[in-house]
PDB file of N, CA and C in Angstrom:
ATOM      1  N   UNK A   1     124.628 105.433  97.288  1.00  0.00           N
ATOM      2  CA  UNK A   1     125.932 105.982  97.549  1.00  0.00           C
ATOM      3  C   UNK A   1     125.993 107.374  96.915  1.00  0.00           C
ATOM      4  N   UNK A   2     126.409 108.334  97.692  1.00  0.00           N
ATOM      5  CA  UNK A   2     126.441 109.714  97.233  1.00  0.00           C
ATOM      6  C   UNK A   2     127.830 110.052  96.717  1.00  0.00           C
ATOM      7  N   UNK A   3     127.877 110.690  95.558  1.00  0.00           N
ATOM      8  CA  UNK A   3     129.156 111.109  95.009  1.00  0.00           C
ATOM      9  C   UNK A   3     129.563 112.440  95.610  1.00  0.00           C
ATOM     10  N   UNK A   4     130.841 112.569  95.873  1.00  0.00           N
ATOM     11  CA  UNK A   4     131.375 113.796  96.459  1.00  0.00           C
ATOM     12  C   UNK A   4     131.978 114.634  95.351  1.00  0.00           C
ATOM     13  N   UNK A   5     131.610 115.895  95.318  1.00  0.00           N
ATOM     14  CA  UNK A   5     132.184 116.794  94.338  1.00  0.00           C
ATOM     15  C   UNK A   5     133.315 117.571  94.979  1.00  0.00           C
ATOM     16  N   UNK A   6     134.460 117.491  94.369  1.00  0.00           N
ATOM     17  CA  UNK A   6     135.617 118.240  94.846  1.00  0.00           C
ATOM     18  C   UNK A   6     135.829 119.390  93.856  1.00  0.00           C
ATOM     19  N   UNK A   7     135.810 120.577  94.351  1.00  0.00           N
ATOM     20  CA  UNK A   7     136.003 121.721  93.463  1.00  0.00           C
ATOM     21  C   UNK A   7     137.464 122.074  93.341  1.00  0.00           C
ATOM     22  N   UNK A   8     138.022 122.559  94.394  1.00  0.00           N
ATOM     23  CA  UNK A   8     139.427 122.958  94.361  1.00  0.00           C
ATOM     24  C   UNK A   8     139.906 123.112  95.793  1.00  0.00           C
ATOM     25  N   UNK A   9     141.186 123.158  95.932  1.00  0.00           N
ATOM     26  CA  UNK A   9     141.764 123.355  97.259  1.00  0.00           C
ATOM     27  C   UNK A   9     141.576 124.814  97.658  1.00  0.00           C
ATOM     28  N   UNK A  10     141.182 125.042  98.914  1.00  0.00           N
ATOM     29  CA  UNK A  10     140.924 126.401  99.388  1.00  0.00           C
ATOM     30  C   UNK A  10     142.210 126.968  99.967  1.00  0.00           C
ATOM     31  N   UNK A  11     142.576 128.119  99.490  1.00  0.00           N
ATOM     32  CA  UNK A  11     143.759 128.813  99.985  1.00  0.00           C
ATOM     33  C   UNK A  11     143.304 129.931 100.919  1.00  0.00           C
ATOM     34  N   UNK A  12     144.000 130.111 102.014  1.00  0.00           N
ATOM     35  CA  UNK A  12     143.676 131.215 102.918  1.00  0.00           C
ATOM     36  C   UNK A  12     142.568 130.857 103.884  1.00  0.00           C
ATOM     37  N   UNK A  13     141.864 131.882 104.368  1.00  0.00           N
ATOM     38  CA  UNK A  13     140.810 131.704 105.368  1.00  0.00           C
ATOM     39  C   UNK A  13     139.493 131.290 104.719  1.00  0.00           C
ATOM     40  N   UNK A  14     138.711 130.531 105.500  1.00  0.00           N
ATOM     41  CA  UNK A  14     137.385 130.124 105.031  1.00  0.00           C
ATOM     42  C   UNK A  14     136.373 131.207 105.346  1.00  0.00           C
ATOM     43  N   UNK A  15     135.433 131.376 104.437  1.00  0.00           N
ATOM     44  CA  UNK A  15     134.337 132.304 104.708  1.00  0.00           C
ATOM     45  C   UNK A  15     133.427 131.662 105.750  1.00  0.00           C
ATOM     46  N   UNK A  16     132.560 132.424 106.400  1.00  0.00           N
ATOM     47  CA  UNK A  16     131.635 131.822 107.368  1.00  0.00           C
ATOM     48  C   UNK A  16     130.776 130.709 106.751  1.00  0.00           C
ATOM     49  N   UNK A  17     130.328 130.893 105.520  1.00  0.00           N
ATOM     50  CA  UNK A  17     129.514 129.866 104.853  1.00  0.00           C
ATOM     51  C   UNK A  17     130.347 128.603 104.613  1.00  0.00           C
ATOM     52  N   UNK A  18     131.586 128.768 104.184  1.00  0.00           N
ATOM     53  CA  UNK A  18     132.465 127.622 103.963  1.00  0.00           C
ATOM     54  C   UNK A  18     132.751 126.909 105.284  1.00  0.00           C
ATOM     55  N   UNK A  19     132.941 127.667 106.341  1.00  0.00           N
ATOM     56  CA  UNK A  19     133.208 127.083 107.659  1.00  0.00           C
ATOM     57  C   UNK A  19     132.007 126.261 108.137  1.00  0.00           C
ATOM     58  N   UNK A  20     130.784 126.771 107.913  1.00  0.00           N
ATOM     59  CA  UNK A  20     129.576 126.035 108.302  1.00  0.00           C
ATOM     60  C   UNK A  20     129.466 124.724 107.512  1.00  0.00           C
ATOM     61  N   UNK A  21     129.729 124.786 106.199  1.00  0.00           N
ATOM     62  CA  UNK A  21     129.679 123.576 105.368  1.00  0.00           C
ATOM     63  C   UNK A  21     130.727 122.559 105.818  1.00  0.00           C
ATOM     64  N   UNK A  22     131.905 123.046 106.162  1.00  0.00           N
ATOM     65  CA  UNK A  22     132.966 122.166 106.630  1.00  0.00           C
ATOM     66  C   UNK A  22     132.573 121.483 107.942  1.00  0.00           C
ATOM     67  N   UNK A  23     132.028 122.230 108.871  1.00  0.00           N
ATOM     68  CA  UNK A  23     131.593 121.666 110.146  1.00  0.00           C
ATOM     69  C   UNK A  23     130.478 120.649 109.947  1.00  0.00           C
ATOM     70  N   UNK A  24     129.540 120.967 109.046  1.00  0.00           N
ATOM     71  CA  UNK A  24     128.432 120.051 108.750  1.00  0.00           C
ATOM     72  C   UNK A  24     128.975 118.740 108.171  1.00  0.00           C
ATOM     73  N   UNK A  25     129.943 118.842 107.261  1.00  0.00           N
ATOM     74  CA  UNK A  25     130.544 117.648 106.663  1.00  0.00           C
ATOM     75  C   UNK A  25     131.291 116.831 107.718  1.00  0.00           C
ATOM     76  N   UNK A  26     131.994 117.492 108.628  1.00  0.00           N
ATOM     77  CA  UNK A  26     132.704 116.790 109.693  1.00  0.00           C
ATOM     78  C   UNK A  26     131.726 116.062 110.618  1.00  0.00           C
ATOM     79  N   UNK A  27     130.632 116.713 110.966  1.00  0.00           N
ATOM     80  CA  UNK A  27     129.624 116.092 111.830  1.00  0.00           C
ATOM     81  C   UNK A  27     129.000 114.879 111.149  1.00  0.00           C
ATOM     82  N   UNK A  28     128.699 115.012 109.865  1.00  0.00           N
ATOM     83  CA  UNK A  28     128.109 113.906 109.122  1.00  0.00           C
ATOM     84  C   UNK A  28     129.075 112.722 109.056  1.00  0.00           C
ATOM     85  N   UNK A  29     130.349 113.005 108.808  1.00  0.00           N
ATOM     86  CA  UNK A  29     131.356 111.944 108.767  1.00  0.00           C
ATOM     87  C   UNK A  29     131.474 111.266 110.129  1.00  0.00           C
ATOM     88  N   UNK A  30     131.438 112.034 111.202  1.00  0.00           N
ATOM     89  CA  UNK A  30     131.526 111.468 112.554  1.00  0.00           C
ATOM     90  C   UNK A  30     130.315 110.590 112.861  1.00  0.00           C
ATOM     91  N   UNK A  31     129.130 110.968 112.385  1.00  0.00           N
ATOM     92  CA  UNK A  31     127.928 110.152 112.597  1.00  0.00           C
ATOM     93  C   UNK A  31     128.004 108.841 111.819  1.00  0.00           C
ATOM     94  N   UNK A  32     128.562 108.877 110.611  1.00  0.00           N
ATOM     95  CA  UNK A  32     128.608 107.696 109.751  1.00  0.00           C
ATOM     96  C   UNK A  32     129.749 106.742 110.103  1.00  0.00           C
ATOM     97  N   UNK A  33     130.776 107.227 110.757  1.00  0.00           N
ATOM     98  CA  UNK A  33     131.972 106.421 110.997  1.00  0.00           C
ATOM     99  C   UNK A  33     131.707 105.112 111.743  1.00  0.00           C
ATOM    100  N   UNK A  34     130.951 105.087 112.837  1.00  0.00           N
ATOM    101  CA  UNK A  34     130.728 103.803 113.527  1.00  0.00           C
ATOM    102  C   UNK A  34     130.082 102.741 112.636  1.00  0.00           C
ATOM    103  N   UNK A  35     129.107 103.149 111.825  1.00  0.00           N
ATOM    104  CA  UNK A  35     128.472 102.187 110.918  1.00  0.00           C
ATOM    105  C   UNK A  35     129.457 101.704 109.861  1.00  0.00           C
ATOM    106  N   UNK A  36     130.272 102.602 109.339  1.00  0.00           N
ATOM    107  CA  UNK A  36     131.261 102.205 108.336  1.00  0.00           C
ATOM    108  C   UNK A  36     132.272 101.221 108.921  1.00  0.00           C
ATOM    109  N   UNK A  37     132.695 101.457 110.145  1.00  0.00           N
ATOM    110  CA  UNK A  37     133.630 100.537 110.808  1.00  0.00           C
ATOM    111  C   UNK A  37     132.984  99.167 110.994  1.00  0.00           C
ATOM    112  N   UNK A  38     131.732  99.156 111.449  1.00  0.00           N
ATOM    113  CA  UNK A  38     131.026  97.891 111.663  1.00  0.00           C
ATOM    114  C   UNK A  38     130.859  97.125 110.353  1.00  0.00           C
ATOM    115  N   UNK A  39     130.459  97.819 109.282  1.00  0.00           N
ATOM    116  CA  UNK A  39     130.270  97.158 107.988  1.00  0.00           C
ATOM    117  C   UNK A  39     131.594  96.626 107.448  1.00  0.00           C
ATOM    118  N   UNK A  40     132.681  97.355 107.686  1.00  0.00           N
ATOM    119  CA  UNK A  40     133.993  96.895 107.242  1.00  0.00           C
ATOM    120  C   UNK A  40     134.390  95.618 107.988  1.00  0.00           C
ATOM    121  N   UNK A  41     134.097  95.555 109.281  1.00  0.00           N
ATOM    122  CA  UNK A  41     134.390  94.355 110.061  1.00  0.00           C
ATOM    123  C   UNK A  41     133.541  93.179 109.569  1.00  0.00           C
ATOM    124  N   UNK A  42     132.287  93.431 109.259  1.00  0.00           N
ATOM    125  CA  UNK A  42     131.407  92.383 108.733  1.00  0.00           C
ATOM    126  C   UNK A  42     131.929  91.884 107.387  1.00  0.00           C
ATOM    127  N   UNK A  43     132.349  92.812 106.542  1.00  0.00           N
ATOM    128  CA  UNK A  43     132.871  92.481 105.218  1.00  0.00           C
ATOM    129  C   UNK A  43     134.129  91.618 105.351  1.00  0.00           C
ATOM    130  N   UNK A  44     134.992  91.972 106.294  1.00  0.00           N
ATOM    131  CA  UNK A  44     136.222  91.218 106.519  1.00  0.00           C
ATOM    132  C   UNK A  44     135.916  89.801 107.011  1.00  0.00           C
ATOM    133  N   UNK A  45     135.005  89.680 107.949  1.00  0.00           N
ATOM    134  CA  UNK A  45     134.637  88.365 108.472  1.00  0.00           C
ATOM    135  C   UNK A  45     133.993  87.504 107.381  1.00  0.00           C
ATOM    136  N   UNK A  46     133.119  88.089 106.577  1.00  0.00           N
ATOM    137  CA  UNK A  46     132.438  87.347 105.508  1.00  0.00           C
ATOM    138  C   UNK A  46     133.442  86.889 104.453  1.00  0.00           C
ATOM    139  N   UNK A  47     134.452  87.701 104.184  1.00  0.00           N
ATOM    140  CA  UNK A  47     135.462  87.367 103.183  1.00  0.00           C
ATOM    141  C   UNK A  47     136.310  86.186 103.655  1.00  0.00           C
ATOM    142  N   UNK A  48     136.477  86.025 104.966  1.00  0.00           N
ATOM    143  CA  UNK A  48     137.315  84.952 105.515  1.00  0.00           C
ATOM    144  C   UNK A  48     136.577  83.625 105.640  1.00  0.00           C
ATOM    145  N   UNK A  49     135.273  83.606 105.372  1.00  0.00           N
ATOM    146  CA  UNK A  49     134.499  82.366 105.487  1.00  0.00           C
ATOM    147  C   UNK A  49     135.104  81.279 104.613  1.00  0.00           C
ATOM    148  N   UNK A  50     135.128  80.066 105.127  1.00  0.00           N
ATOM    149  CA  UNK A  50     135.629  78.928 104.358  1.00  0.00           C
ATOM    150  C   UNK A  50     134.440  78.274 103.653  1.00  0.00           C
ATOM    151  N   UNK A  51     133.896  79.009 102.690  1.00  0.00           N
ATOM    152  CA  UNK A  51     132.737  78.543 101.939  1.00  0.00           C
ATOM    153  C   UNK A  51     132.872  79.070 100.511  1.00  0.00           C
ATOM    154  N   UNK A  52     131.976  78.611  99.646  1.00  0.00           N
ATOM    155  CA  UNK A  52     131.993  79.135  98.280  1.00  0.00           C
ATOM    156  C   UNK A  52     131.732  80.637  98.281  1.00  0.00           C
ATOM    157  N   UNK A  53     130.804  81.100  99.131  1.00  0.00           N
ATOM    158  CA  UNK A  53     130.509  82.533  99.187  1.00  0.00           C
ATOM    159  C   UNK A  53     131.735  83.327  99.614  1.00  0.00           C
ATOM    160  N   UNK A  54     132.490  82.805 100.584  1.00  0.00           N
ATOM    161  CA  UNK A  54     133.721  83.466 101.009  1.00  0.00           C
ATOM    162  C   UNK A  54     134.732  83.522  99.877  1.00  0.00           C
ATOM    163  N   UNK A  55     134.851  82.437  99.128  1.00  0.00           N
ATOM    164  CA  UNK A  55     135.747  82.384  97.972  1.00  0.00           C
ATOM    165  C   UNK A  55     135.342  83.435  96.931  1.00  0.00           C
ATOM    166  N   UNK A  56     134.050  83.534  96.665  1.00  0.00           N
ATOM    167  CA  UNK A  56     133.551  84.513  95.698  1.00  0.00           C
ATOM    168  C   UNK A  56     133.794  85.940  96.195  1.00  0.00           C
ATOM    169  N   UNK A  57     133.587  86.185  97.481  1.00  0.00           N
ATOM    170  CA  UNK A  57     133.848  87.518  98.036  1.00  0.00           C
ATOM    171  C   UNK A  57     135.316  87.886  97.882  1.00  0.00           C
ATOM    172  N   UNK A  58     136.215  86.929  98.160  1.00  0.00           N
ATOM    173  CA  UNK A  58     137.647  87.204  97.996  1.00  0.00           C
ATOM    174  C   UNK A  58     137.980  87.498  96.541  1.00  0.00           C
ATOM    175  N   UNK A  59     137.368  86.782  95.616  1.00  0.00           N
ATOM    176  CA  UNK A  59     137.600  87.026  94.185  1.00  0.00           C
ATOM    177  C   UNK A  59     137.110  88.420  93.793  1.00  0.00           C
ATOM    178  N   UNK A  60     135.990  88.837  94.326  1.00  0.00           N
ATOM    179  CA  UNK A  60     135.459  90.175  94.026  1.00  0.00           C
ATOM    180  C   UNK A  60     136.415  91.243  94.538  1.00  0.00           C
ATOM    181  N   UNK A  61     136.937  91.064  95.754  1.00  0.00           N
ATOM    182  CA  UNK A  61     137.846  92.058  96.324  1.00  0.00           C
ATOM    183  C   UNK A  61     139.190  92.092  95.599  1.00  0.00           C
ATOM    184  N   UNK A  62     139.627  90.950  95.040  1.00  0.00           N
ATOM    185  CA  UNK A  62     140.903  90.920  94.306  1.00  0.00           C
ATOM    186  C   UNK A  62     140.759  91.411  92.870  1.00  0.00           C
ATOM    187  N   UNK A  63     139.554  91.427  92.352  1.00  0.00           N
ATOM    188  CA  UNK A  63     139.343  91.801  90.951  1.00  0.00           C
ATOM    189  C   UNK A  63     139.771  93.245  90.731  1.00  0.00           C
ATOM    190  N   UNK A  64     140.405  93.544  89.589  1.00  0.00           N
ATOM    191  CA  UNK A  64     140.933  94.900  89.383  1.00  0.00           C
ATOM    192  C   UNK A  64     139.881  96.008  89.278  1.00  0.00           C
ATOM    193  N   UNK A  65     138.643  95.664  88.982  1.00  0.00           N
ATOM    194  CA  UNK A  65     137.615  96.699  88.903  1.00  0.00           C
ATOM    195  C   UNK A  65     136.914  96.842  90.246  1.00  0.00           C
ATOM    196  N   UNK A  66     136.313  97.989  90.460  1.00  0.00           N
ATOM    197  CA  UNK A  66     135.653  98.266  91.739  1.00  0.00           C
ATOM    198  C   UNK A  66     134.423  97.373  91.919  1.00  0.00           C
ATOM    199  N   UNK A  67     134.048  97.102  93.160  1.00  0.00           N
ATOM    200  CA  UNK A  67     132.825  96.325  93.398  1.00  0.00           C
ATOM    201  C   UNK A  67     131.588  96.979  92.769  1.00  0.00           C
ATOM    202  N   UNK A  68     131.565  98.290  92.716  1.00  0.00           N
ATOM    203  CA  UNK A  68     130.439  98.991  92.092  1.00  0.00           C
ATOM    204  C   UNK A  68     130.350  98.641  90.603  1.00  0.00           C
ATOM    205  N   UNK A  69     131.499  98.615  89.925  1.00  0.00           N
ATOM    206  CA  UNK A  69     131.547  98.264  88.506  1.00  0.00           C
ATOM    207  C   UNK A  69     131.207  96.781  88.312  1.00  0.00           C
ATOM    208  N   UNK A  70     131.669  95.937  89.226  1.00  0.00           N
ATOM    209  CA  UNK A  70     131.362  94.506  89.155  1.00  0.00           C
ATOM    210  C   UNK A  70     129.857  94.287  89.259  1.00  0.00           C
ATOM    211  N   UNK A  71     129.201  94.994  90.180  1.00  0.00           N
ATOM    212  CA  UNK A  71     127.744  94.885  90.320  1.00  0.00           C
ATOM    213  C   UNK A  71     127.056  95.286  89.018  1.00  0.00           C
ATOM    214  N   UNK A  72     127.535  96.361  88.422  1.00  0.00           N
ATOM    215  CA  UNK A  72     126.950  96.826  87.158  1.00  0.00           C
ATOM    216  C   UNK A  72     127.118  95.770  86.064  1.00  0.00           C
ATOM    217  N   UNK A  73     128.331  95.201  85.949  1.00  0.00           N
ATOM    218  CA  UNK A  73     128.592  94.201  84.916  1.00  0.00           C
ATOM    219  C   UNK A  73     127.801  92.914  85.141  1.00  0.00           C
ATOM    220  N   UNK A  74     127.548  92.584  86.405  1.00  0.00           N
ATOM    221  CA  UNK A  74     126.798  91.365  86.731  1.00  0.00           C
ATOM    222  C   UNK A  74     125.294  91.612  86.753  1.00  0.00           C
ATOM    223  N   UNK A  75     124.888  92.834  86.476  1.00  0.00           N
ATOM    224  CA  UNK A  75     123.474  93.203  86.437  1.00  0.00           C
ATOM    225  C   UNK A  75     122.772  92.941  87.770  1.00  0.00           C
ATOM    226  N   UNK A  76     123.444  93.351  88.855  1.00  0.00           N
ATOM    227  CA  UNK A  76     122.813  93.316  90.170  1.00  0.00           C
ATOM    228  C   UNK A  76     122.979  94.696  90.792  1.00  0.00           C
ATOM    229  N   UNK A  77     122.105  95.025  91.709  1.00  0.00           N
ATOM    230  CA  UNK A  77     122.175  96.352  92.315  1.00  0.00           C
ATOM    231  C   UNK A  77     123.349  96.433  93.278  1.00  0.00           C
ATOM    232  N   UNK A  78     123.832  97.658  93.491  1.00  0.00           N
ATOM    233  CA  UNK A  78     124.920  97.862  94.426  1.00  0.00           C
ATOM    234  C   UNK A  78     124.509  97.422  95.833  1.00  0.00           C
ATOM    235  N   UNK A  79     123.265  97.698  96.213  1.00  0.00           N
ATOM    236  CA  UNK A  79     122.793  97.312  97.542  1.00  0.00           C
ATOM    237  C   UNK A  79     122.848  95.791  97.730  1.00  0.00           C
ATOM    238  N   UNK A  80     122.431  95.044  96.698  1.00  0.00           N
ATOM    239  CA  UNK A  80     122.467  93.584  96.789  1.00  0.00           C
ATOM    240  C   UNK A  80     123.898  93.078  96.944  1.00  0.00           C
ATOM    241  N   UNK A  81     124.817  93.619  96.139  1.00  0.00           N
ATOM    242  CA  UNK A  81     126.206  93.181  96.227  1.00  0.00           C
ATOM    243  C   UNK A  81     126.813  93.570  97.571  1.00  0.00           C
ATOM    244  N   UNK A  82     126.528  94.774  98.028  1.00  0.00           N
ATOM    245  CA  UNK A  82     127.052  95.235  99.304  1.00  0.00           C
ATOM    246  C   UNK A  82     126.585  94.333 100.448  1.00  0.00           C
ATOM    247  N   UNK A  83     125.317  93.974 100.446  1.00  0.00           N
ATOM    248  CA  UNK A  83     124.777  93.096 101.490  1.00  0.00           C
ATOM    249  C   UNK A  83     125.356  91.688 101.395  1.00  0.00           C
ATOM    250  N   UNK A  84     125.677  91.238 100.176  1.00  0.00           N
ATOM    251  CA  UNK A  84     126.339  89.944 100.014  1.00  0.00           C
ATOM    252  C   UNK A  84     127.768  90.014 100.549  1.00  0.00           C
ATOM    253  N   UNK A  85     128.480  91.096 100.239  1.00  0.00           N
ATOM    254  CA  UNK A  85     129.872  91.222 100.674  1.00  0.00           C
ATOM    255  C   UNK A  85     130.005  91.307 102.191  1.00  0.00           C
ATOM    256  N   UNK A  86     128.996  91.838 102.865  1.00  0.00           N
ATOM    257  CA  UNK A  86     129.034  91.909 104.330  1.00  0.00           C
ATOM    258  C   UNK A  86     128.451  90.665 104.978  1.00  0.00           C
ATOM    259  N   UNK A  87     127.863  89.777 104.179  1.00  0.00           N
ATOM    260  CA  UNK A  87     127.261  88.567 104.719  1.00  0.00           C
ATOM    261  C   UNK A  87     125.876  88.788 105.279  1.00  0.00           C
ATOM    262  N   UNK A  88     125.282  89.949 105.024  1.00  0.00           N
ATOM    263  CA  UNK A  88     123.953  90.243 105.556  1.00  0.00           C
ATOM    264  C   UNK A  88     122.868  89.456 104.831  1.00  0.00           C
ATOM    265  N   UNK A  89     123.018  89.295 103.510  1.00  0.00           N
ATOM    266  CA  UNK A  89     122.007  88.594 102.714  1.00  0.00           C
ATOM    267  C   UNK A  89     122.688  87.767 101.640  1.00  0.00           C
ATOM    268  N   UNK A  90     122.109  86.613 101.319  1.00  0.00           N
ATOM    269  CA  UNK A  90     122.640  85.813 100.213  1.00  0.00           C
ATOM    270  C   UNK A  90     122.155  86.367  98.877  1.00  0.00           C
ATOM    271  N   UNK A  91     122.775  85.902  97.823  1.00  0.00           N
ATOM    272  CA  UNK A  91     122.345  86.275  96.473  1.00  0.00           C
ATOM    273  C   UNK A  91     121.650  85.081  95.831  1.00  0.00           C
ATOM    274  N   UNK A  92     120.707  85.336  94.931  1.00  0.00           N
ATOM    275  CA  UNK A  92     120.103  84.222  94.194  1.00  0.00           C
ATOM    276  C   UNK A  92     121.155  83.556  93.304  1.00  0.00           C
ATOM    277  N   UNK A  93     120.947  82.292  92.981  1.00  0.00           N
ATOM    278  CA  UNK A  93     121.950  81.533  92.232  1.00  0.00           C
ATOM    279  C   UNK A  93     122.262  82.143  90.869  1.00  0.00           C
ATOM    280  N   UNK A  94     121.270  82.748  90.203  1.00  0.00           N
ATOM    281  CA  UNK A  94     121.562  83.350  88.898  1.00  0.00           C
ATOM    282  C   UNK A  94     122.495  84.566  89.046  1.00  0.00           C
ATOM    283  N   UNK A  95     122.355  85.312  90.123  1.00  0.00           N
ATOM    284  CA  UNK A  95     123.248  86.455  90.365  1.00  0.00           C
ATOM    285  C   UNK A  95     124.658  85.955  90.687  1.00  0.00           C
ATOM    286  N   UNK A  96     124.748  84.859  91.437  1.00  0.00           N
ATOM    287  CA  UNK A  96     126.055  84.277  91.738  1.00  0.00           C
ATOM    288  C   UNK A  96     126.727  83.805  90.454  1.00  0.00           C
ATOM    289  N   UNK A  97     125.960  83.169  89.572  1.00  0.00           N
ATOM    290  CA  UNK A  97     126.506  82.726  88.279  1.00  0.00           C
ATOM    291  C   UNK A  97     127.078  83.901  87.491  1.00  0.00           C
ATOM    292  N   UNK A  98     126.346  85.012  87.470  1.00  0.00           N
ATOM    293  CA  UNK A  98     126.828  86.189  86.728  1.00  0.00           C
ATOM    294  C   UNK A  98     128.085  86.769  87.371  1.00  0.00           C
ATOM    295  N   UNK A  99     128.125  86.799  88.707  1.00  0.00           N
ATOM    296  CA  UNK A  99     129.321  87.303  89.397  1.00  0.00           C
ATOM    297  C   UNK A  99     130.541  86.432  89.100  1.00  0.00           C
ATOM    298  N   UNK A 100     130.348  85.115  89.115  1.00  0.00           N
ATOM    299  CA  UNK A 100     131.450  84.188  88.827  1.00  0.00           C
ATOM    300  C   UNK A 100     132.015  84.475  87.434  1.00  0.00           C
ATOM    301  N   UNK A 101     131.135  84.720  86.472  1.00  0.00           N
ATOM    302  CA  UNK A 101     131.593  85.029  85.116  1.00  0.00           C
ATOM    303  C   UNK A 101     132.327  86.362  85.059  1.00  0.00           C
ATOM    304  N   UNK A 102     131.804  87.374  85.734  1.00  0.00           N
ATOM    305  CA  UNK A 102     132.412  88.708  85.694  1.00  0.00           C
ATOM    306  C   UNK A 102     133.822  88.688  86.293  1.00  0.00           C
ATOM    307  N   UNK A 103     133.983  88.043  87.447  1.00  0.00           N
ATOM    308  CA  UNK A 103     135.295  88.037  88.107  1.00  0.00           C
ATOM    309  C   UNK A 103     136.174  86.890  87.630  1.00  0.00           C
ATOM    310  N   UNK A 104     135.666  86.115  86.669  1.00  0.00           N
ATOM    311  CA  UNK A 104     136.415  85.023  86.042  1.00  0.00           C
ATOM    312  C   UNK A 104     136.932  84.027  87.071  1.00  0.00           C
ATOM    313  N   UNK A 105     136.069  83.660  87.996  1.00  0.00           N
ATOM    314  CA  UNK A 105     136.431  82.715  89.047  1.00  0.00           C
ATOM    315  C   UNK A 105     136.451  81.312  88.457  1.00  0.00           C
ATOM    316  N   UNK A 106     137.574  80.650  88.579  1.00  0.00           N
ATOM    317  CA  UNK A 106     137.724  79.278  88.088  1.00  0.00           C
ATOM    318  C   UNK A 106     137.509  78.318  89.248  1.00  0.00           C
ATOM    319  N   UNK A 107     136.604  77.401  89.048  1.00  0.00           N
ATOM    320  CA  UNK A 107     136.309  76.412  90.073  1.00  0.00           C
ATOM    321  C   UNK A 107     137.017  75.108  89.735  1.00  0.00           C
ATOM    322  N   UNK A 108     137.493  74.393  90.755  1.00  0.00           N
ATOM    323  CA  UNK A 108     138.159  73.120  90.480  1.00  0.00           C
ATOM    324  C   UNK A 108     137.166  72.095  89.945  1.00  0.00           C
ATOM    325  N   UNK A 109     137.681  71.220  89.093  1.00  0.00           N
ATOM    326  CA  UNK A 109     136.843  70.143  88.562  1.00  0.00           C
ATOM    327  C   UNK A 109     136.544  69.154  89.672  1.00  0.00           C
ATOM    328  N   UNK A 110     135.322  68.709  89.740  1.00  0.00           N
ATOM    329  CA  UNK A 110     134.919  67.728  90.742  1.00  0.00           C
ATOM    330  C   UNK A 110     134.558  66.447  90.009  1.00  0.00           C
ATOM    331  N   UNK A 111     135.240  65.364  90.384  1.00  0.00           N
ATOM    332  CA  UNK A 111     134.949  64.073  89.742  1.00  0.00           C
ATOM    333  C   UNK A 111     133.669  63.518  90.344  1.00  0.00           C
ATOM    334  N   UNK A 112     132.814  63.054  89.466  1.00  0.00           N
ATOM    335  CA  UNK A 112     131.565  62.450  89.918  1.00  0.00           C
ATOM    336  C   UNK A 112     131.846  61.063  90.480  1.00  0.00           C
ATOM    337  N   UNK A 113     131.267  60.775  91.592  1.00  0.00           N
ATOM    338  CA  UNK A 113     131.399  59.429  92.166  1.00  0.00           C
ATOM    339  C   UNK A 113     130.072  58.716  91.988  1.00  0.00           C
ATOM    340  N   UNK A 114     130.145  57.425  91.652  1.00  0.00           N
ATOM    341  CA  UNK A 114     128.887  56.705  91.451  1.00  0.00           C
ATOM    342  C   UNK A 114     128.103  56.606  92.753  1.00  0.00           C
ATOM    343  N   UNK A 115     126.817  56.725  92.658  1.00  0.00           N
ATOM    344  CA  UNK A 115     125.950  56.631  93.830  1.00  0.00           C
ATOM    345  C   UNK A 115     125.665  55.178  94.120  1.00  0.00           C
ATOM    346  N   UNK A 116     125.646  54.872  95.388  1.00  0.00           N
ATOM    347  CA  UNK A 116     125.312  53.517  95.801  1.00  0.00           C
ATOM    348  C   UNK A 116     123.845  53.456  96.210  1.00  0.00           C
ATOM    349  N   UNK A 117     123.236  52.388  95.892  1.00  0.00           N
ATOM    350  CA  UNK A 117     121.846  52.195  96.283  1.00  0.00           C
ATOM    351  C   UNK A 117     121.809  51.881  97.774  1.00  0.00           C
ATOM    352  N   UNK A 118     120.844  52.449  98.436  1.00  0.00           N
ATOM    353  CA  UNK A 118     120.698  52.197  99.876  1.00  0.00           C
ATOM    354  C   UNK A 118     120.006  50.859 100.095  1.00  0.00           C
ATOM    355  N   UNK A 119     120.537  50.146 101.049  1.00  0.00           N
ATOM    356  CA  UNK A 119     119.915  48.862 101.392  1.00  0.00           C
ATOM    357  C   UNK A 119     118.664  49.142 102.220  1.00  0.00           C
ATOM    358  N   UNK A 120     117.677  48.417 102.005  1.00  0.00           N
ATOM    359  CA  UNK A 120     116.555  48.712 102.840  1.00  0.00           C
ATOM    360  C   UNK A 120     115.394  47.953 102.585  1.00  0.00           C
TER     361      UNK A 120
END
């Protein structure tokens, strides 16, 4: 992920060099927009899943810190978390455990039921 540097608001007319940079930035944004829209739709669909992963994704999105900071705190790469949030790739169980701790996700208690022996 590339950080954008904002210098200051430009007053008046743009120089030719500034105009070229502005056009280049607009073209780059236009090229990236379809992929960003698609990834956002994937992220939304993955968040709505009725599964533990969907529950964890919703907890990550509700958490007050950014997903980038959550990845850092859980000691996983941004790429891994991003792919998990879009549903492209699963995370290993140890990474899921760390994410659950970071976002303080509380799981309901499950009562153990005795196992029955199979007849046979």
